Amino acid sequence: MYAQQQDLDAAERAFAESHTCFERCSYERGQAIALNNRGRVALDRGDAARATDVLAQAVRAARDVEDEELIALATTNLAEATLGTADYARANDLVCTALGHFRESGNRWREVECLRLLGVISARRGHTVEARRCLERGMALAREIDARLEVAAISTELDRLAEPSKP
């Protein structure tokens, strides 16, 4: 709830505390979830380097407990963190991996998120046509499932593509 209310300090403390509790009772899946949440808070703070480190741990922890959905979610977050470090090739590989899982499992909301990230990655690489294609596919799916926040986020990215390049 703290993270949803943008109280990132409180969210970070709560996720760290939950991680410690899960470690004490050897609940490995809980540890993986807490790591993913801690990494997401670092990402929301704009700390891509810290987010990358924590989210890489989250992916490993999720693999250890063989939770495919959590692996894909942590991988999506890791892709977004990696995007923040300008390692576009790795970010692209990560998000494509997550997208494959979400498509196969039918998680259309997360599929939209991945398509948006692929669009952003393509735009940053200067691949405008590919960026627009990913964003438009994401927009169509977001509208179909009434994912209003994603519609707004994708609209913002499409508007950025339409802006003239600055020398």
Foldseek 3Di string as FASTA:
>chain_A
DCVVVVVLVVQLVVLVVQLVVCVVVVVLLSNLVSLLSNLVSCVVVLNLVVSLVSLVVSLVSCVVVVPLLSNLSSLLSNLSSVVSVVPLVSSLVSLVVSLVSCVVVVVLVSVLVSLQSQLVSCVVVVNLVSSVVSLVVSLVSCVVVVVPVSVVVSVVSVVVSVDDDDD
